[in-house]
Amino acid sequence: MKRIFWLIIGIAVGVYAVTRLKKRAQILAPEGMQESAAKLAAAVRHFGDQVREGMAERETELRDALGIENTNDREDYR
């Protein structure tokens, strides 16, 4: 009975290890790396857009609070 139990445990661990290795191999394949890089680039781009939007909003709040008129000669963050 103990041998059958350990055999089943060994098979389960083996199947788990093989599936994890296959997933890792897919991630490290050129297509997987390209997909990961594209996701990272999109996330960085989105973060940059959010920061610029927040900066513009905060600048408007500060200009309103200080009573400074918006001028057309200032640099636009977008």
Protein backbone atom coordinates (compact mmCIF):
# COMPACT_ATOMS: atom_id res chain seq x y z
CA MET A 1 0.00 0.00 0.00
CA LYS A 2 2.85 2.41 0.84
CA ARG A 3 4.53 1.74 -2.49
CA ILE A 4 1.37 2.53 -4.43
CA PHE A 5 0.94 5.75 -2.43
CA TRP A 6 4.51 6.88 -3.17
CA LEU A 7 4.15 5.85 -6.80
CA ILE A 8 1.07 8.07 -7.14
CA ILE A 9 2.86 10.94 -5.36
CA GLY A 10 5.85 10.53 -7.70
CA ILE A 11 3.65 10.53 -10.79
CA ALA A 12 1.81 13.65 -9.60
CA VAL A 13 5.06 15.49 -8.89
CA GLY A 14 6.44 14.42 -12.28
CA VAL A 15 3.37 15.65 -14.14
CA TYR A 16 3.47 18.94 -12.23
CA ALA A 17 7.17 19.42 -13.00
CA VAL A 18 6.73 18.66 -16.70
CA THR A 19 3.83 21.10 -17.08
CA ARG A 20 5.78 23.84 -15.25
CA LEU A 21 8.80 23.24 -17.47
CA LYS A 22 6.67 23.40 -20.63
CA LYS A 23 5.17 26.71 -19.53
CA ARG A 24 8.63 28.08 -18.73
CA ALA A 25 9.93 26.94 -22.12
CA GLN A 26 7.05 28.72 -23.86
CA ILE A 27 7.76 31.91 -21.95
CA LEU A 28 11.46 31.77 -22.80
CA ALA A 29 10.82 31.03 -26.47
CA PRO A 30 11.35 33.99 -28.84
CA GLU A 31 7.60 34.42 -29.37
CA GLY A 32 6.99 34.45 -25.62
CA MET A 33 9.77 36.97 -25.02
CA GLN A 34 8.41 39.22 -27.76
CA GLU A 35 4.93 39.06 -26.24
CA SER A 36 6.31 39.86 -22.79
CA ALA A 37 8.27 42.81 -24.17
CA ALA A 38 5.18 44.12 -25.95
CA LYS A 39 3.14 43.89 -22.73
CA LEU A 40 5.86 45.70 -20.81
CA ALA A 41 6.08 48.45 -23.44
CA ALA A 42 2.31 48.93 -23.38
CA ALA A 43 2.32 49.15 -19.57
CA VAL A 44 5.13 51.72 -19.59
CA ARG A 45 3.34 53.74 -22.28
CA HIS A 46 0.10 53.68 -20.28
CA PHE A 47 1.95 54.74 -17.12
CA GLY A 48 3.56 57.65 -18.98
CA ASP A 49 0.19 58.77 -20.31
CA GLN A 50 -1.28 58.68 -16.80
CA VAL A 51 1.63 60.70 -15.41
CA ARG A 52 1.33 63.35 -18.13
CA GLU A 53 -2.42 63.57 -17.58
CA GLY A 54 -1.91 64.00 -13.83
CA MET A 55 0.75 66.64 -14.40
CA ALA A 56 -1.56 68.63 -16.67
CA GLU A 57 -4.40 68.44 -14.16
CA ARG A 58 -2.16 69.50 -11.28
CA GLU A 59 -0.71 72.37 -13.30
CA THR A 60 -4.21 73.61 -14.05
CA GLU A 61 -5.10 73.40 -10.35
CA LEU A 62 -1.97 75.34 -9.38
CA ARG A 63 -2.52 78.01 -12.05
CA ASP A 64 -6.11 78.45 -10.86
CA ALA A 65 -5.02 78.64 -7.21
CA LEU A 66 -2.30 81.21 -7.98
CA GLY A 67 -4.47 83.22 -10.38
CA ILE A 68 -2.12 82.74 -13.31
CA GLU A 69 -3.70 82.85 -16.74
CA ASN A 70 -3.09 79.95 -19.07
CA THR A 71 -0.81 81.10 -21.84
CA ASN A 72 -0.40 79.55 -25.27
CA ASP A 73 3.39 79.89 -25.19
CA ARG A 74 3.85 77.22 -22.52
CA GLU A 75 4.94 73.72 -23.45
CA ASP A 76 2.25 71.08 -23.73
CA TYR A 77 3.13 67.79 -22.00
CA ARG A 78 1.46 65.56 -24.58
